[in-house]
Amino acid sequence: MVTVLPVGWMSETDLLRSVASVACGSGHPVAHELLREADMRIVRVVDALNCELFAGGAAGVVAGSRVLVGSPEFLLEHGVDLAGLPPMQVCDGMFFSAIDGRFAGIVSMIEM
């Protein structure tokens, strides 16, 4: 089960599209599950450019925007401000995302 939790300025569709596009472009192991979820929701995944896979996440360009997907630490290392997030327990299967340096939401493959 995939849960998509965007912040107020981001839609579920756009968050899922961005995260799935970068996961696919980087060859991330969860790409298949994200593609299946996108297909179920009739969300068109686009080709991401300049994708890179790192120890803590992945990065790429989707529709002209720089997208980061990974752990909170990965986003912090790339200058994303997470100070507004409430305290939470981060589990395997939770992917935090930022678009153009702004926190965009969480995509989770665990029940929340």
Protein backbone atom coordinates (compact mmCIF):
# COMPACT_ATOMS: atom_id res chain seq x y z
CA MET A 1 0.00 0.00 0.00
CA VAL A 2 1.35 3.42 -0.97
CA THR A 3 0.30 6.50 0.99
CA VAL A 4 0.96 9.94 -0.50
CA LEU A 5 1.07 12.83 2.00
CA PRO A 6 1.79 16.14 0.25
CA VAL A 7 2.23 19.51 1.93
CA GLY A 8 -0.37 22.22 1.24
CA TRP A 9 1.20 23.62 -1.94
CA MET A 10 1.60 20.19 -3.58
CA SER A 11 -1.09 17.83 -4.88
CA GLU A 12 -1.02 14.06 -4.31
CA THR A 13 -0.85 13.52 -8.06
CA ASP A 14 2.14 15.83 -8.54
CA LEU A 15 4.01 14.39 -5.55
CA LEU A 16 3.49 10.80 -6.71
CA ARG A 17 4.49 11.73 -10.28
CA SER A 18 7.69 13.43 -9.11
CA VAL A 19 8.76 10.71 -6.68
CA ALA A 20 7.96 7.86 -9.10
CA SER A 21 9.74 9.61 -11.97
CA VAL A 22 12.95 10.05 -9.98
CA ALA A 23 12.78 6.52 -8.54
CA CYS A 24 12.42 5.06 -12.03
CA GLY A 25 15.11 7.25 -13.55
CA SER A 26 17.59 6.42 -10.80
CA GLY A 27 16.88 2.70 -10.80
CA HIS A 28 15.75 2.76 -7.16
CA PRO A 29 14.46 -0.63 -5.93
CA VAL A 30 11.00 0.77 -5.03
CA ALA A 31 10.38 2.09 -8.56
CA HIS A 32 8.19 -0.87 -9.54
CA GLU A 33 5.83 -0.36 -6.58
CA LEU A 34 5.57 3.38 -7.26
CA LEU A 35 4.83 2.74 -10.94
CA ARG A 36 2.08 0.29 -10.01
CA GLU A 37 0.54 2.89 -7.67
CA ALA A 38 0.78 5.59 -10.35
CA ASP A 39 -0.95 3.26 -12.84
CA MET A 40 -3.74 2.52 -10.36
CA ARG A 41 -4.28 6.26 -9.82
CA ILE A 42 -3.96 7.01 -13.54
CA VAL A 43 -0.95 9.26 -12.91
CA ARG A 44 1.39 9.63 -15.87
CA VAL A 45 5.01 9.17 -14.81
CA VAL A 46 7.38 11.26 -16.91
CA ASP A 47 11.03 10.79 -17.79
CA ALA A 48 13.26 12.37 -15.18
CA LEU A 49 16.58 13.86 -16.25
CA ASN A 50 20.00 13.72 -14.61
CA CYS A 51 18.92 11.08 -12.10
CA GLU A 52 21.39 9.96 -9.47
CA LEU A 53 21.10 7.34 -6.76
CA PHE A 54 22.83 8.11 -3.44
CA ALA A 55 23.21 6.17 -0.19
CA GLY A 56 20.36 8.11 1.44
CA GLY A 57 18.14 8.87 -1.54
CA ALA A 58 17.86 9.87 -5.17
CA ALA A 59 17.74 13.09 -7.14
CA GLY A 60 16.64 14.12 -10.61
CA VAL A 61 14.93 16.78 -12.66
CA VAL A 62 11.21 16.39 -13.37
CA ALA A 63 9.43 18.95 -15.57
CA GLY A 64 12.24 21.43 -14.98
CA SER A 65 12.26 21.09 -11.17
CA ARG A 66 14.98 19.48 -9.05
CA VAL A 67 13.41 16.62 -7.07
CA LEU A 68 15.01 14.96 -4.05
CA VAL A 69 13.64 11.74 -2.57
CA GLY A 70 15.02 9.96 0.45
CA SER A 71 15.58 10.09 4.17
CA PRO A 72 15.17 13.26 6.22
CA GLU A 73 18.95 13.32 6.63
CA PHE A 74 19.40 13.20 2.85
CA LEU A 75 17.11 16.20 2.41
CA LEU A 76 18.88 18.10 5.22
CA GLU A 77 22.26 17.39 3.60
CA HIS A 78 20.91 19.04 0.45
CA GLY A 79 19.76 22.17 2.28
CA VAL A 80 16.04 21.41 2.67
CA ASP A 81 14.46 23.00 5.76
CA LEU A 82 12.50 20.39 7.73
CA ALA A 83 12.06 22.51 10.87
CA GLY A 84 8.28 22.75 10.37
CA LEU A 85 7.73 18.99 10.45
CA PRO A 86 6.14 17.56 13.59
CA PRO A 87 8.19 14.95 15.45
CA MET A 88 7.64 11.51 13.95
CA GLN A 89 9.19 8.11 13.87
CA VAL A 90 10.77 7.52 10.49
CA CYS A 91 10.47 3.93 9.29
CA ASP A 92 11.82 1.98 6.36
CA GLY A 93 9.50 2.56 3.45
CA MET A 94 9.01 6.28 4.16
CA PHE A 95 10.40 8.60 1.49
CA PHE A 96 10.63 12.33 2.11
CA SER A 97 10.61 14.59 -0.92
CA ALA A 98 11.62 18.12 -1.80
CA ILE A 99 11.07 20.04 -5.00
CA ASP A 100 13.36 22.95 -5.84
CA GLY A 101 14.62 22.98 -2.25
CA ARG A 102 11.18 23.03 -0.58
CA PHE A 103 9.80 20.14 1.39
CA ALA A 104 6.99 18.63 -0.70
CA GLY A 105 5.72 15.68 1.32
CA ILE A 106 6.11 12.03 2.20
CA VAL A 107 5.41 8.92 0.19
CA SER A 108 5.10 5.87 2.39
CA MET A 109 4.99 2.21 1.49
CA ILE A 110 3.93 1.21 4.98
CA GLU A 111 0.60 1.64 6.70
CA MET A 112 0.53 4.96 8.54
